[in-house]
């Protein structure tokens, strides 16, 4: 059974879901750093500019650009939570 929620409650639910997605995605970078320190003690450095060959550097650049794009996209969607809640409540 679906609860009858007010518009503010629907907007709050959408914002909560989007905030959780943003937080989980934002933690991916720091968790990778921590995992690297534990997986390769003494050999892991956070900043390794241009180390690992051309292919690795290109893949790192693409990966960080995609990560930044996803963070930006989630922020834009979070800023438009009221519009999303309206669309969900209207059944579109």
C-alpha atoms as a PDB file:
ATOM      1  CA  UNK A   1       0.000   0.000   0.000  1.00  0.00           C
ATOM      2  CA  UNK A   2       1.346   3.389  -0.981  1.00  0.00           C
ATOM      3  CA  UNK A   3       1.281   6.081   1.645  1.00  0.00           C
ATOM      4  CA  UNK A   4      -0.382   9.380   0.861  1.00  0.00           C
ATOM      5  CA  UNK A   5       2.503  11.805   1.190  1.00  0.00           C
ATOM      6  CA  UNK A   6       2.468  15.543   0.900  1.00  0.00           C
ATOM      7  CA  UNK A   7       4.553  17.216  -1.773  1.00  0.00           C
ATOM      8  CA  UNK A   8       7.164  18.260   0.791  1.00  0.00           C
ATOM      9  CA  UNK A   9       7.495  14.665   1.982  1.00  0.00           C
ATOM     10  CA  UNK A  10       7.939  13.460  -1.590  1.00  0.00           C
ATOM     11  CA  UNK A  11      10.611  16.088  -2.249  1.00  0.00           C
ATOM     12  CA  UNK A  12      12.359  15.105   0.993  1.00  0.00           C
ATOM     13  CA  UNK A  13      12.320  11.424  -0.036  1.00  0.00           C
ATOM     14  CA  UNK A  14      13.823  12.243  -3.428  1.00  0.00           C
ATOM     15  CA  UNK A  15      16.485  14.438  -1.811  1.00  0.00           C
ATOM     16  CA  UNK A  16      17.339  11.702   0.695  1.00  0.00           C
ATOM     17  CA  UNK A  17      17.801   9.101  -2.054  1.00  0.00           C
ATOM     18  CA  UNK A  18      19.899  11.444  -4.175  1.00  0.00           C
ATOM     19  CA  UNK A  19      21.993  12.522  -1.190  1.00  0.00           C
ATOM     20  CA  UNK A  20      22.707   8.879  -0.357  1.00  0.00           C
ATOM     21  CA  UNK A  21      23.774   8.236  -3.954  1.00  0.00           C
ATOM     22  CA  UNK A  22      26.011  11.312  -3.936  1.00  0.00           C
ATOM     23  CA  UNK A  23      27.609  10.385  -0.611  1.00  0.00           C
ATOM     24  CA  UNK A  24      28.234   6.792  -1.704  1.00  0.00           C
ATOM     25  CA  UNK A  25      29.792   7.966  -4.959  1.00  0.00           C
ATOM     26  CA  UNK A  26      31.894  10.626  -3.262  1.00  0.00           C
ATOM     27  CA  UNK A  27      33.360   8.010  -0.905  1.00  0.00           C
ATOM     28  CA  UNK A  28      34.683   5.929  -3.819  1.00  0.00           C
ATOM     29  CA  UNK A  29      37.850   8.013  -4.219  1.00  0.00           C
ATOM     30  CA  UNK A  30      38.908   8.143  -0.554  1.00  0.00           C
ATOM     31  CA  UNK A  31      38.123   4.446  -0.076  1.00  0.00           C
ATOM     32  CA  UNK A  32      40.343   3.591  -3.043  1.00  0.00           C
ATOM     33  CA  UNK A  33      43.201   5.514  -1.440  1.00  0.00           C
ATOM     34  CA  UNK A  34      42.738   3.714   1.884  1.00  0.00           C
ATOM     35  CA  UNK A  35      42.550   0.342   0.114  1.00  0.00           C
ATOM     36  CA  UNK A  36      45.773   1.138  -1.761  1.00  0.00           C
ATOM     37  CA  UNK A  37      47.618   1.961   1.453  1.00  0.00           C
ATOM     38  CA  UNK A  38      46.580  -1.376   2.979  1.00  0.00           C
ATOM     39  CA  UNK A  39      47.013  -3.498  -0.159  1.00  0.00           C
ATOM     40  CA  UNK A  40      50.476  -2.145  -1.039  1.00  0.00           C
ATOM     41  CA  UNK A  41      52.109  -0.868   2.163  1.00  0.00           C
ATOM     42  CA  UNK A  42      55.209   1.186   1.455  1.00  0.00           C
ATOM     43  CA  UNK A  43      54.617   1.229  -2.306  1.00  0.00           C
ATOM     44  CA  UNK A  44      51.366   3.178  -2.593  1.00  0.00           C
ATOM     45  CA  UNK A  45      51.366   6.904  -3.231  1.00  0.00           C
ATOM     46  CA  UNK A  46      48.233   8.983  -3.624  1.00  0.00           C
ATOM     47  CA  UNK A  47      49.729  11.179  -6.337  1.00  0.00           C
ATOM     48  CA  UNK A  48      51.624   9.409  -9.099  1.00  0.00           C
ATOM     49  CA  UNK A  49      51.612  11.819 -12.026  1.00  0.00           C
ATOM     50  CA  UNK A  50      52.468  10.254 -15.391  1.00  0.00           C
ATOM     51  CA  UNK A  51      53.583   6.966 -13.808  1.00  0.00           C
ATOM     52  CA  UNK A  52      52.650   3.640 -15.381  1.00  0.00           C
ATOM     53  CA  UNK A  53      52.857   4.247 -19.107  1.00  0.00           C
ATOM     54  CA  UNK A  54      50.737   6.088 -21.614  1.00  0.00           C
ATOM     55  CA  UNK A  55      47.762   3.725 -21.570  1.00  0.00           C
ATOM     56  CA  UNK A  56      47.500   3.875 -17.801  1.00  0.00           C
ATOM     57  CA  UNK A  57      47.696   7.673 -17.798  1.00  0.00           C
ATOM     58  CA  UNK A  58      44.945   7.926 -20.428  1.00  0.00           C
ATOM     59  CA  UNK A  59      42.704   5.506 -18.521  1.00  0.00           C
ATOM     60  CA  UNK A  60      43.278   7.433 -15.287  1.00  0.00           C
ATOM     61  CA  UNK A  61      42.381  10.718 -16.988  1.00  0.00           C
ATOM     62  CA  UNK A  62      39.214   9.237 -18.484  1.00  0.00           C
ATOM     63  CA  UNK A  63      38.285   7.642 -15.151  1.00  0.00           C
ATOM     64  CA  UNK A  64      38.666  10.882 -13.196  1.00  0.00           C
ATOM     65  CA  UNK A  65      36.711  12.809 -15.828  1.00  0.00           C
ATOM     66  CA  UNK A  66      33.861  10.291 -15.624  1.00  0.00           C
ATOM     67  CA  UNK A  67      33.977  10.457 -11.829  1.00  0.00           C
ATOM     68  CA  UNK A  68      33.772  14.278 -11.898  1.00  0.00           C
ATOM     69  CA  UNK A  69      30.952  14.138 -14.457  1.00  0.00           C
ATOM     70  CA  UNK A  70      28.964  11.735 -12.289  1.00  0.00           C
ATOM     71  CA  UNK A  71      29.428  13.926  -9.193  1.00  0.00           C
ATOM     72  CA  UNK A  72      28.310  16.995 -11.134  1.00  0.00           C
ATOM     73  CA  UNK A  73      25.321  15.146 -12.583  1.00  0.00           C
ATOM     74  CA  UNK A  74      24.197  13.974  -9.148  1.00  0.00           C
ATOM     75  CA  UNK A  75      24.465  17.528  -7.809  1.00  0.00           C
ATOM     76  CA  UNK A  76      22.342  18.865 -10.676  1.00  0.00           C
ATOM     77  CA  UNK A  77      19.716  16.180 -10.111  1.00  0.00           C
ATOM     78  CA  UNK A  78      19.768  16.865  -6.367  1.00  0.00           C
ATOM     79  CA  UNK A  79      19.193  20.561  -7.039  1.00  0.00           C
ATOM     80  CA  UNK A  80      16.121  19.621  -9.109  1.00  0.00           C
ATOM     81  CA  UNK A  81      14.587  17.266  -6.540  1.00  0.00           C
ATOM     82  CA  UNK A  82      11.270  19.130  -6.537  1.00  0.00           C
ATOM     83  CA  UNK A  83      10.844  18.589 -10.283  1.00  0.00           C
ATOM     84  CA  UNK A  84      11.632  14.884  -9.911  1.00  0.00           C
ATOM     85  CA  UNK A  85       9.129  14.514  -7.080  1.00  0.00           C
ATOM     86  CA  UNK A  86       6.443  16.209  -9.203  1.00  0.00           C
ATOM     87  CA  UNK A  87       7.125  13.833 -12.101  1.00  0.00           C
ATOM     88  CA  UNK A  88       7.008  10.786  -9.829  1.00  0.00           C
ATOM     89  CA  UNK A  89       3.743  11.848  -8.223  1.00  0.00           C
ATOM     90  CA  UNK A  90       2.091  12.503 -11.582  1.00  0.00           C
ATOM     91  CA  UNK A  91       3.036   9.024 -12.814  1.00  0.00           C
ATOM     92  CA  UNK A  92       5.230  10.111 -15.752  1.00  0.00           C
END
